[in-house]
Amino acid sequence: HTRSLCDWSSDVCSSDLVFVLVDAEIGATELDQQMVEWLDACQVPFHVVANKIDKLGRSRHEHQRQRIATTLGGESGDLSWVSAAKGTGIVELRKAVVELLA
């Protein structure tokens, strides 16, 4: 028996939060868009985290950040911008996690 995705989302606690990981170098894919649309439709809270910013030249950061946000229907300030490999943005991401779950 297959449950629909929105049926699954009813099991998510109101304090739960889904982190949608996006490859900053590639940008938001069709699958990323589908995930965000589904989360919105099922009223599941989420936060977008763009990783691998170390793969971008500094000159591309703002353009790519805006492109990802626009593609996913948000604002560039609404997403976390990190490099797990270099540790860039991890402190800010941790702070955002605490704030979002408070």
C-alpha atoms as a PDB file:
ATOM      1  CA  HIS A   1       0.000   0.000   0.000  1.00  0.00           C
ATOM      2  CA  THR A   2       1.503   3.299  -1.103  1.00  0.00           C
ATOM      3  CA  ARG A   3       0.894   6.432   0.901  1.00  0.00           C
ATOM      4  CA  SER A   4       0.750   9.801  -0.812  1.00  0.00           C
ATOM      5  CA  LEU A   5       3.442  12.306   0.034  1.00  0.00           C
ATOM      6  CA  CYS A   6       0.938  14.587   1.765  1.00  0.00           C
ATOM      7  CA  ASP A   7      -0.221  11.630   3.878  1.00  0.00           C
ATOM      8  CA  TRP A   8       3.393  11.185   4.924  1.00  0.00           C
ATOM      9  CA  SER A   9       3.662  14.880   5.740  1.00  0.00           C
ATOM     10  CA  SER A  10       0.858  14.557   8.280  1.00  0.00           C
ATOM     11  CA  ASP A  11       3.316  12.495  10.347  1.00  0.00           C
ATOM     12  CA  VAL A  12       5.700  15.447  10.468  1.00  0.00           C
ATOM     13  CA  CYS A  13       5.520  17.214  13.818  1.00  0.00           C
ATOM     14  CA  SER A  14       4.796  20.925  13.825  1.00  0.00           C
ATOM     15  CA  SER A  15       8.299  21.510  15.203  1.00  0.00           C
ATOM     16  CA  ASP A  16       9.909  19.497  12.376  1.00  0.00           C
ATOM     17  CA  LEU A  17      11.707  21.257   9.597  1.00  0.00           C
ATOM     18  CA  VAL A  18      12.983  19.875   6.298  1.00  0.00           C
ATOM     19  CA  PHE A  19      16.296  21.144   4.971  1.00  0.00           C
ATOM     20  CA  VAL A  20      16.400  21.132   1.168  1.00  0.00           C
ATOM     21  CA  LEU A  21      19.998  20.802   0.000  1.00  0.00           C
ATOM     22  CA  VAL A  22      20.845  22.393  -3.338  1.00  0.00           C
ATOM     23  CA  ASP A  23      24.151  22.248  -5.195  1.00  0.00           C
ATOM     24  CA  ALA A  24      25.156  25.912  -5.476  1.00  0.00           C
ATOM     25  CA  GLU A  25      27.340  25.271  -8.498  1.00  0.00           C
ATOM     26  CA  ILE A  26      24.597  23.519 -10.487  1.00  0.00           C
ATOM     27  CA  GLY A  27      21.723  25.586  -9.148  1.00  0.00           C
ATOM     28  CA  ALA A  28      18.206  24.480  -8.322  1.00  0.00           C
ATOM     29  CA  THR A  29      17.173  21.519 -10.457  1.00  0.00           C
ATOM     30  CA  GLU A  30      13.716  20.438 -11.525  1.00  0.00           C
ATOM     31  CA  LEU A  31      13.743  17.906  -8.672  1.00  0.00           C
ATOM     32  CA  ASP A  32      14.598  20.682  -6.196  1.00  0.00           C
ATOM     33  CA  GLN A  33      11.672  22.699  -7.557  1.00  0.00           C
ATOM     34  CA  GLN A  34       9.343  19.704  -7.246  1.00  0.00           C
ATOM     35  CA  MET A  35      10.438  19.122  -3.653  1.00  0.00           C
ATOM     36  CA  VAL A  36       9.810  22.741  -2.674  1.00  0.00           C
ATOM     37  CA  GLU A  37       6.422  22.741  -4.435  1.00  0.00           C
ATOM     38  CA  TRP A  38       5.447  19.540  -2.623  1.00  0.00           C
ATOM     39  CA  LEU A  39       6.587  20.870   0.748  1.00  0.00           C
ATOM     40  CA  ASP A  40       4.568  24.045   0.163  1.00  0.00           C
ATOM     41  CA  ALA A  41       1.478  22.108  -0.948  1.00  0.00           C
ATOM     42  CA  CYS A  42       1.682  19.805   2.078  1.00  0.00           C
ATOM     43  CA  GLN A  43       2.431  22.724   4.414  1.00  0.00           C
ATOM     44  CA  VAL A  44       5.712  21.222   5.591  1.00  0.00           C
ATOM     45  CA  PRO A  45       8.138  23.888   6.827  1.00  0.00           C
ATOM     46  CA  PHE A  46      11.485  23.917   5.034  1.00  0.00           C
ATOM     47  CA  HIS A  47      14.717  25.848   4.638  1.00  0.00           C
ATOM     48  CA  VAL A  48      16.937  25.796   1.551  1.00  0.00           C
ATOM     49  CA  VAL A  49      20.676  25.238   2.029  1.00  0.00           C
ATOM     50  CA  ALA A  50      22.922  25.822  -0.976  1.00  0.00           C
ATOM     51  CA  ASN A  51      26.171  23.880  -0.555  1.00  0.00           C
ATOM     52  CA  LYS A  52      29.428  23.794  -2.527  1.00  0.00           C
ATOM     53  CA  ILE A  53      29.793  27.563  -2.742  1.00  0.00           C
ATOM     54  CA  ASP A  54      33.549  26.951  -2.789  1.00  0.00           C
ATOM     55  CA  LYS A  55      33.092  25.632  -6.337  1.00  0.00           C
ATOM     56  CA  LEU A  56      31.883  29.060  -7.507  1.00  0.00           C
ATOM     57  CA  GLY A  57      34.125  32.003  -8.208  1.00  0.00           C
ATOM     58  CA  ARG A  58      33.381  34.895  -5.813  1.00  0.00           C
ATOM     59  CA  SER A  59      32.076  36.910  -8.756  1.00  0.00           C
ATOM     60  CA  ARG A  60      29.287  34.336  -9.316  1.00  0.00           C
ATOM     61  CA  HIS A  61      28.078  34.119  -5.708  1.00  0.00           C
ATOM     62  CA  GLU A  62      25.385  36.798  -5.704  1.00  0.00           C
ATOM     63  CA  HIS A  63      24.077  35.969  -9.187  1.00  0.00           C
ATOM     64  CA  GLN A  64      23.832  32.250  -8.409  1.00  0.00           C
ATOM     65  CA  ARG A  65      22.282  32.871  -4.985  1.00  0.00           C
ATOM     66  CA  GLN A  66      19.596  35.051  -6.565  1.00  0.00           C
ATOM     67  CA  ARG A  67      19.032  32.509  -9.362  1.00  0.00           C
ATOM     68  CA  ILE A  68      18.507  29.652  -6.881  1.00  0.00           C
ATOM     69  CA  ALA A  69      16.156  31.719  -4.732  1.00  0.00           C
ATOM     70  CA  THR A  70      14.128  32.878  -7.734  1.00  0.00           C
ATOM     71  CA  THR A  71      13.906  29.359  -9.169  1.00  0.00           C
ATOM     72  CA  LEU A  72      12.590  28.056  -5.845  1.00  0.00           C
ATOM     73  CA  GLY A  73      10.179  30.949  -5.345  1.00  0.00           C
ATOM     74  CA  GLY A  74      11.971  32.715  -2.508  1.00  0.00           C
ATOM     75  CA  GLU A  75      14.317  35.558  -1.715  1.00  0.00           C
ATOM     76  CA  SER A  76      18.111  35.241  -1.752  1.00  0.00           C
ATOM     77  CA  GLY A  77      18.196  36.064   1.966  1.00  0.00           C
ATOM     78  CA  ASP A  78      15.907  33.096   2.669  1.00  0.00           C
ATOM     79  CA  LEU A  79      18.543  30.475   1.919  1.00  0.00           C
ATOM     80  CA  SER A  80      21.705  29.428   3.684  1.00  0.00           C
ATOM     81  CA  TRP A  81      24.888  29.690   1.645  1.00  0.00           C
ATOM     82  CA  VAL A  82      27.559  27.207   2.740  1.00  0.00           C
ATOM     83  CA  SER A  83      30.602  25.159   1.869  1.00  0.00           C
ATOM     84  CA  ALA A  84      30.775  21.984   3.916  1.00  0.00           C
ATOM     85  CA  ALA A  85      34.260  21.307   2.525  1.00  0.00           C
ATOM     86  CA  LYS A  86      35.695  24.680   3.611  1.00  0.00           C
ATOM     87  CA  GLY A  87      33.384  25.347   6.566  1.00  0.00           C
ATOM     88  CA  THR A  88      32.136  28.605   5.085  1.00  0.00           C
ATOM     89  CA  GLY A  89      28.700  29.591   6.367  1.00  0.00           C
ATOM     90  CA  ILE A  90      28.438  26.672   8.798  1.00  0.00           C
ATOM     91  CA  VAL A  91      28.293  28.889  11.905  1.00  0.00           C
ATOM     92  CA  GLU A  92      25.525  30.944  10.289  1.00  0.00           C
ATOM     93  CA  LEU A  93      23.685  27.750   9.287  1.00  0.00           C
ATOM     94  CA  ARG A  94      23.833  26.470  12.868  1.00  0.00           C
ATOM     95  CA  LYS A  95      22.407  29.782  14.102  1.00  0.00           C
ATOM     96  CA  ALA A  96      19.643  29.577  11.481  1.00  0.00           C
ATOM     97  CA  VAL A  97      18.789  26.026  12.597  1.00  0.00           C
ATOM     98  CA  VAL A  98      18.437  27.177  16.197  1.00  0.00           C
ATOM     99  CA  GLU A  99      16.283  30.171  15.165  1.00  0.00           C
ATOM    100  CA  LEU A 100      14.109  28.137  12.802  1.00  0.00           C
ATOM    101  CA  LEU A 101      13.448  25.452  15.416  1.00  0.00           C
ATOM    102  CA  ALA A 102      12.862  27.909  18.280  1.00  0.00           C
END
